Amino acid sequence: MRRLAATLANYQSGGLLIALLVMGAFFTASSGNFLTHRNLTVILLQVSIVGIVAIPQAMLVLSGYVDLSVGSVAVLAVAVFGEMAKVHHYSLAAAIAIAIAVAAAWGLMNGLLICYLGFSPIIVTLGGFAGARGLSDTITHDVTQFGFGSKFAWLGNGTIGTIPVPAVIFLGLFVIGAYIWYEMPLGRHLTAIGADRVAARSLGVSTRLIPCVVYVCSGIAAGLGGLILTSELDGASPSIGLGLELQVLTAVLLGGVAFAGGRGSLWGVLFGILFIGVLNNGLILLNIGPYVVNLAVGAVLIAAAGADAFYQRLEQIPVAAAEPEGVETQTKAQEAVT
């Protein structure tokens, strides 16, 4: 049974890819507008922001942590950017730099509280979910700043060749994330931390510093995603980022990253991101209302959580010859490190 669990986990990403292709074929047959260059470009734009934020989120979940404040951090960065650019008349580069710095600082605060002081990741980031949005409302007073110019508009609406700039940024970050995940010791350390934090620490892994740095990256990614949305809309709206954390977490869990940590594939996360984007786009093309779309995303999240629980239960099935207590988890962590 344990071999069956490993086999299922290995093929989870492949199964999601097959489901993605089947769903794409269904929407292609149902709507003549689905498989067009214009619509595929729209899908790329829709998934790019979720994808940018999902890369560090997947690393956090892999290591046994989570960040539920990404949507609020995104709108906080947007609020700071609008305030700096339009109220205080800072240059565009300075306003962007300050906004990203604020998002990174919020991520650092999360990392210090969770990784070094031992606070609960869910409690801290839920507090950040409310606190960052409240701070952004205080900054903006519900006023939307707009008119940031053509140079800033290129960030969200420009193209490189025929590919939208946000998609290029997402794909570039994905390549970097995949290299870290699969080729660098850091990726194996993240897996070891999620598998068994105590065993990983005994093997010399920086079980506090590494997740803390990833929290900072999560804040930066959220801030960047918020700025791209602002560029697309040409407006620093206080409503930016609503529901972003739900979409990101759904894509990560659907992609096969275990919520408890220690198992996951960044390729699976990519397929999860595309699955959510194609599902949203296809349902809209079929003239299905937004409430049904939200219901579908919620159902996918529940299905992903159910699949995660199923894999975890299979992994916990005892083998014929039990190893001494503590040896198995330490061995798993050591294999991940080496």
Protein backbone atom coordinates (compact mmCIF):
# COMPACT_ATOMS: atom_id res chain seq x y z
CA MET A 1 0.00 0.00 0.00
CA ARG A 2 2.87 2.35 0.71
CA ARG A 3 4.18 1.73 -2.81
CA LEU A 4 0.69 2.50 -4.12
CA ALA A 5 0.72 5.81 -2.23
CA ALA A 6 4.07 6.75 -3.76
CA THR A 7 2.84 5.81 -7.22
CA LEU A 8 -0.32 7.87 -6.86
CA ALA A 9 1.63 10.85 -5.57
CA ASN A 10 4.04 10.63 -8.52
CA TYR A 11 1.19 10.57 -11.03
CA GLN A 12 -0.97 13.22 -9.35
CA SER A 13 0.49 16.00 -11.50
CA GLY A 14 0.10 13.89 -14.61
CA GLY A 15 -3.52 13.19 -13.74
CA LEU A 16 -4.15 16.88 -13.31
CA LEU A 17 -2.57 17.56 -16.70
CA ILE A 18 -4.88 14.99 -18.30
CA ALA A 19 -7.87 16.60 -16.58
CA LEU A 20 -6.70 20.00 -17.84
CA LEU A 21 -6.48 18.72 -21.42
CA VAL A 22 -9.90 17.06 -21.21
CA MET A 23 -11.44 20.25 -19.85
CA GLY A 24 -9.78 22.29 -22.57
CA ALA A 25 -11.14 19.91 -25.22
CA PHE A 26 -14.64 20.25 -23.74
CA PHE A 27 -14.56 24.05 -23.77
CA THR A 28 -13.12 24.01 -27.31
CA ALA A 29 -16.04 21.88 -28.48
CA SER A 30 -18.56 23.99 -26.55
CA SER A 31 -17.35 27.45 -27.63
CA GLY A 32 -15.71 28.53 -30.85
CA ASN A 33 -14.04 31.42 -29.02
CA PHE A 34 -12.07 29.29 -26.56
CA LEU A 35 -9.15 28.09 -28.66
CA THR A 36 -8.26 31.45 -30.17
CA HIS A 37 -5.10 33.52 -29.81
CA ARG A 38 -7.00 36.34 -28.15
CA ASN A 39 -8.69 34.10 -25.58
CA LEU A 40 -5.49 32.19 -24.79
CA THR A 41 -3.80 35.54 -24.21
CA VAL A 42 -6.60 36.45 -21.80
CA ILE A 43 -6.08 33.17 -19.93
CA LEU A 44 -2.35 33.86 -19.67
CA LEU A 45 -3.07 37.30 -18.23
CA GLN A 46 -5.56 35.85 -15.76
CA VAL A 47 -3.25 33.15 -14.44
CA SER A 48 -0.03 35.20 -14.40
CA ILE A 49 -0.72 37.10 -11.18
CA VAL A 50 -1.95 33.99 -9.37
CA GLY A 51 1.10 32.15 -10.67
CA ILE A 52 3.57 34.78 -9.51
CA VAL A 53 2.17 34.65 -5.97
CA ALA A 54 1.74 30.85 -6.01
CA ILE A 55 5.45 30.07 -6.50
CA PRO A 56 6.64 31.22 -3.03
CA GLN A 57 3.33 30.07 -1.54
CA ALA A 58 4.01 26.54 -2.81
CA MET A 59 7.46 26.65 -1.20
CA LEU A 60 5.93 27.73 2.09
CA VAL A 61 3.33 24.96 2.02
CA LEU A 62 6.03 22.44 1.05
CA SER A 63 7.95 23.41 4.20
CA GLY A 64 4.84 23.16 6.41
CA TYR A 65 3.84 26.85 6.50
CA VAL A 66 1.20 28.99 4.77
CA ASP A 67 0.57 32.66 3.96
CA LEU A 68 -3.09 33.72 3.97
CA SER A 69 -2.29 37.44 3.80
CA VAL A 70 -1.11 37.67 0.18
CA GLY A 71 -4.26 39.38 -1.13
CA SER A 72 -4.16 42.04 1.57
CA VAL A 73 -0.40 42.57 1.15
CA ALA A 74 -1.04 43.08 -2.57
CA VAL A 75 -3.59 45.82 -1.94
CA LEU A 76 -1.32 47.39 0.70
CA ALA A 77 1.49 47.65 -1.86
CA VAL A 78 -0.98 49.16 -4.33
CA ALA A 79 -2.18 51.70 -1.77
CA VAL A 80 1.40 52.73 -0.93
CA PHE A 81 2.26 52.99 -4.63
CA GLY A 82 -0.75 55.21 -5.36
CA GLU A 83 -0.01 57.40 -2.35
CA MET A 84 3.65 57.82 -3.27
CA ALA A 85 3.06 58.41 -7.00
CA LYS A 86 0.00 60.67 -6.91
CA VAL A 87 -0.15 62.33 -3.49
CA HIS A 88 3.56 62.78 -2.73
CA HIS A 89 4.59 62.94 -6.41
CA TYR A 90 7.48 60.50 -6.19
CA SER A 91 8.99 59.21 -9.41
CA LEU A 92 7.53 56.02 -10.84
CA ALA A 93 10.62 53.97 -9.98
CA ALA A 94 10.73 55.30 -6.41
CA ALA A 95 7.02 54.63 -5.86
CA ILE A 96 7.39 51.06 -7.13
CA ALA A 97 10.47 50.47 -4.98
CA ILE A 98 8.74 51.77 -1.83
CA ALA A 99 5.64 49.66 -2.51
CA ILE A 100 7.70 46.48 -2.98
CA ALA A 101 9.75 47.32 0.13
CA VAL A 102 6.57 47.64 2.21
CA ALA A 103 5.33 44.27 0.92
CA ALA A 104 8.71 42.69 1.70
CA ALA A 105 8.67 44.20 5.20
CA TRP A 106 5.24 42.71 5.84
CA GLY A 107 6.54 39.33 4.70
CA LEU A 108 9.56 39.72 6.99
CA MET A 109 7.24 40.48 9.91
CA ASN A 110 5.29 37.30 9.17
CA GLY A 111 8.52 35.32 8.96
CA LEU A 112 9.93 36.62 12.24
CA LEU A 113 6.71 36.03 14.16
CA ILE A 114 6.17 32.54 12.76
CA CYS A 115 9.64 31.11 12.24
CA TYR A 116 11.55 32.67 15.14
CA LEU A 117 8.87 33.34 17.77
CA GLY A 118 6.85 30.21 17.06
CA PHE A 119 3.49 31.84 16.36
CA SER A 120 0.88 29.90 14.39
CA PRO A 121 1.18 30.54 10.62
CA ILE A 122 -2.59 30.52 10.19
CA ILE A 123 -3.24 32.96 13.05
CA VAL A 124 -0.45 35.37 12.08
CA THR A 125 -1.31 35.49 8.39
CA LEU A 126 -5.05 35.72 9.09
CA GLY A 127 -4.19 38.71 11.28
CA GLY A 128 -2.17 40.06 8.36
CA PHE A 129 -5.13 39.42 6.07
CA ALA A 130 -7.22 41.83 8.16
CA GLY A 131 -4.43 44.18 9.25
CA ALA A 132 -2.86 44.87 5.86
CA ARG A 133 -6.24 45.56 4.26
CA GLY A 134 -7.22 47.82 7.14
CA LEU A 135 -3.96 49.73 6.78
CA SER A 136 -4.50 50.10 3.05
CA ASP A 137 -8.00 51.48 3.67
CA THR A 138 -6.50 53.95 6.12
CA ILE A 139 -4.00 55.10 3.49
CA THR A 140 -6.43 55.39 0.59
CA HIS A 141 -9.62 56.46 2.43
CA ASP A 142 -11.40 54.38 -0.26
CA VAL A 143 -10.12 56.75 -2.97
CA THR A 144 -8.79 55.16 -6.17
CA GLN A 145 -5.71 56.85 -7.62
CA PHE A 146 -5.38 56.55 -11.40
CA GLY A 147 -3.51 57.88 -14.43
CA PHE A 148 0.01 56.52 -13.89
CA GLY A 149 1.16 56.94 -17.48
CA SER A 150 2.10 54.76 -20.43
CA LYS A 151 5.39 53.53 -18.97
CA PHE A 152 3.66 51.97 -15.97
CA ALA A 153 0.85 50.67 -18.21
CA TRP A 154 3.41 48.56 -20.09
CA LEU A 155 3.93 46.41 -16.97
CA GLY A 156 0.40 45.02 -17.15
CA ASN A 157 -0.64 45.64 -20.76
CA GLY A 158 2.56 45.48 -22.79
CA THR A 159 3.86 42.54 -24.77
CA ILE A 160 7.27 41.03 -25.48
CA GLY A 161 6.87 39.65 -28.96
CA THR A 162 3.34 38.30 -28.79
CA ILE A 163 3.45 37.27 -25.12
CA PRO A 164 1.99 39.60 -22.45
CA VAL A 165 4.55 41.07 -20.06
CA PRO A 166 2.86 39.57 -16.93
CA ALA A 167 3.07 36.12 -18.53
CA VAL A 168 6.77 36.63 -19.30
CA ILE A 169 7.39 37.63 -15.67
CA PHE A 170 5.46 34.60 -14.42
CA LEU A 171 7.26 32.16 -16.70
CA GLY A 172 10.63 33.65 -15.77
CA LEU A 173 9.89 33.32 -12.06
CA PHE A 174 8.62 29.79 -12.60
CA VAL A 175 11.90 28.79 -14.24
CA ILE A 176 13.82 30.25 -11.28
CA GLY A 177 11.48 28.56 -8.82
CA ALA A 178 11.77 25.20 -10.60
CA TYR A 179 15.57 25.44 -10.54
CA ILE A 180 15.49 26.12 -6.79
CA TRP A 181 12.89 23.39 -6.19
CA TYR A 182 14.55 20.59 -8.17
CA GLU A 183 18.23 21.47 -8.60
CA MET A 184 19.38 23.38 -5.51
CA PRO A 185 19.88 22.08 -1.97
CA LEU A 186 17.41 24.74 -0.85
CA GLY A 187 14.57 22.83 -2.50
CA ARG A 188 15.51 19.63 -0.68
CA HIS A 189 15.82 21.57 2.56
CA LEU A 190 12.27 22.89 2.15
CA THR A 191 11.04 19.33 1.70
CA ALA A 192 13.01 18.17 4.75
CA ILE A 193 11.58 20.96 6.92
CA GLY A 194 8.07 20.00 5.89
CA ALA A 195 8.70 16.28 6.41
CA ASP A 196 10.15 16.60 9.93
CA ARG A 197 11.38 19.92 11.27
CA VAL A 198 13.23 18.44 14.26
CA ALA A 199 15.05 15.85 12.17
CA ALA A 200 15.93 18.49 9.57
CA ARG A 201 17.38 20.76 12.26
CA SER A 202 19.48 17.89 13.60
CA LEU A 203 20.89 17.45 10.09
CA GLY A 204 22.01 21.09 9.94
CA VAL A 205 19.14 22.58 7.94
CA SER A 206 18.30 26.23 8.74
CA THR A 207 14.72 25.49 9.75
CA ARG A 208 14.05 29.10 10.78
CA LEU A 209 15.98 31.18 8.29
CA ILE A 210 14.83 29.38 5.13
CA PRO A 211 11.06 29.71 5.72
CA CYS A 212 11.55 33.30 6.92
CA VAL A 213 13.25 34.20 3.63
CA VAL A 214 10.43 32.51 1.70
CA TYR A 215 7.90 34.62 3.64
CA VAL A 216 9.76 37.72 2.47
CA CYS A 217 9.62 36.41 -1.10
CA SER A 218 5.89 35.79 -0.66
CA GLY A 219 5.40 39.41 0.35
CA ILE A 220 7.44 40.65 -2.62
CA ALA A 221 5.47 38.42 -5.02
CA ALA A 222 2.16 39.67 -3.60
CA GLY A 223 3.29 43.28 -3.98
CA LEU A 224 4.43 42.65 -7.56
CA GLY A 225 1.11 40.97 -8.38
CA GLY A 226 -0.79 43.95 -6.98
CA LEU A 227 1.26 46.39 -9.06
CA ILE A 228 0.64 44.38 -12.23
CA LEU A 229 -3.11 44.47 -11.54
CA THR A 230 -2.87 48.21 -10.96
CA SER A 231 -1.07 48.61 -14.26
CA GLU A 232 -3.72 46.58 -16.09
CA LEU A 233 -6.53 48.72 -14.64
CA ASP A 234 -4.58 52.00 -14.52
CA GLY A 235 -6.02 52.46 -11.06
CA ALA A 236 -4.84 51.79 -7.49
CA SER A 237 -8.18 50.38 -6.39
CA PRO A 238 -8.68 49.33 -2.74
CA SER A 239 -10.55 46.25 -4.01
CA ILE A 240 -7.47 44.77 -5.70
CA GLY A 241 -6.44 41.39 -4.35
CA LEU A 242 -9.85 40.25 -3.11
CA GLY A 243 -9.90 36.46 -3.13
CA LEU A 244 -6.28 36.17 -4.30
CA GLU A 245 -5.28 34.00 -1.34
CA LEU A 246 -8.11 31.54 -2.11
CA GLN A 247 -7.08 31.19 -5.77
CA VAL A 248 -3.41 30.77 -4.87
CA LEU A 249 -4.03 28.18 -2.16
CA THR A 250 -6.43 26.28 -4.43
CA ALA A 251 -3.81 26.09 -7.19
CA VAL A 252 -1.11 24.93 -4.75
CA LEU A 253 -3.23 22.20 -3.14
CA LEU A 254 -4.71 21.13 -6.46
CA GLY A 255 -1.17 20.81 -7.78
CA GLY A 256 -0.43 18.16 -5.17
CA VAL A 257 1.57 20.06 -2.52
CA ALA A 258 0.65 18.50 0.82
CA PHE A 259 -0.84 21.04 3.23
CA ALA A 260 1.11 19.40 6.06
CA GLY A 261 4.34 19.82 4.07
CA GLY A 262 7.03 17.43 2.93
CA ARG A 263 5.56 16.51 -0.47
CA GLY A 264 4.79 18.39 -3.66
CA SER A 265 5.70 19.29 -7.23
CA LEU A 266 6.08 22.76 -8.70
CA TRP A 267 5.03 21.34 -12.07
CA GLY A 268 1.83 20.21 -10.40
CA VAL A 269 1.32 23.76 -9.10
CA LEU A 270 1.72 25.06 -12.66
CA PHE A 271 -0.97 22.64 -13.85
CA GLY A 272 -3.17 23.71 -10.93
CA ILE A 273 -2.79 27.37 -11.88
CA LEU A 274 -3.70 26.64 -15.49
CA PHE A 275 -6.61 24.43 -14.40
CA ILE A 276 -8.18 27.23 -12.34
CA GLY A 277 -7.61 29.77 -15.13
CA VAL A 278 -9.10 27.56 -17.85
CA LEU A 279 -12.05 26.66 -15.63
CA ASN A 280 -12.87 30.30 -14.91
CA ASN A 281 -12.46 31.34 -18.53
CA GLY A 282 -14.42 28.44 -19.97
CA LEU A 283 -17.38 28.89 -17.65
CA ILE A 284 -17.53 32.59 -18.52
CA LEU A 285 -17.49 31.78 -22.24
CA LEU A 286 -20.45 29.46 -21.67
CA ASN A 287 -22.34 32.41 -20.13
CA ILE A 288 -22.38 30.83 -16.67
CA GLY A 289 -22.80 33.43 -13.91
CA PRO A 290 -19.94 34.52 -11.64
CA TYR A 291 -21.57 32.93 -8.60
CA VAL A 292 -21.40 29.52 -10.26
CA VAL A 293 -17.77 30.19 -11.15
CA ASN A 294 -16.98 30.89 -7.50
CA LEU A 295 -18.87 27.75 -6.53
CA ALA A 296 -16.79 25.73 -9.00
CA VAL A 297 -13.52 27.12 -7.59
CA GLY A 298 -14.69 26.29 -4.06
CA ALA A 299 -15.59 22.75 -5.15
CA VAL A 300 -12.15 22.32 -6.74
CA LEU A 301 -10.50 23.47 -3.48
CA ILE A 302 -12.51 20.94 -1.47
CA ALA A 303 -11.62 18.21 -3.98
CA ALA A 304 -7.94 19.14 -3.71
CA ALA A 305 -8.08 19.01 0.09
CA GLY A 306 -9.81 15.64 -0.12
CA ALA A 307 -7.15 14.25 -2.46
CA ASP A 308 -4.43 15.54 -0.10
CA ALA A 309 -6.07 13.80 2.87
CA PHE A 310 -6.36 10.60 0.81
CA TYR A 311 -2.66 10.57 -0.03
CA GLN A 312 -1.71 11.28 3.58
CA ARG A 313 -3.79 8.36 4.82
CA LEU A 314 -2.21 6.02 2.29
CA GLU A 315 1.25 7.14 3.40
CA GLN A 316 0.38 6.36 7.03
CA ILE A 317 -0.52 2.71 6.32
CA PRO A 318 2.00 0.64 8.32
CA VAL A 319 4.43 -1.64 6.52
CA ALA A 320 5.12 -5.23 7.50
CA ALA A 321 8.35 -4.53 9.40
CA ALA A 322 8.11 -1.40 11.51
CA GLU A 323 11.25 0.60 12.06
CA PRO A 324 12.29 1.92 15.50
CA GLU A 325 10.45 5.05 16.59
CA GLY A 326 11.84 8.23 15.07
CA VAL A 327 14.03 6.46 12.51
CA GLU A 328 11.57 6.64 9.62
CA THR A 329 10.93 10.38 9.79
CA GLN A 330 14.59 11.18 10.28
CA THR A 331 15.49 8.96 7.33
CA LYS A 332 12.90 10.76 5.18
CA ALA A 333 14.29 14.14 6.14
CA GLN A 334 17.87 12.96 5.57
CA GLU A 335 16.99 11.68 2.10
CA ALA A 336 15.43 15.05 1.30
CA VAL A 337 18.52 16.91 2.46
CA THR A 338 20.96 14.70 0.56
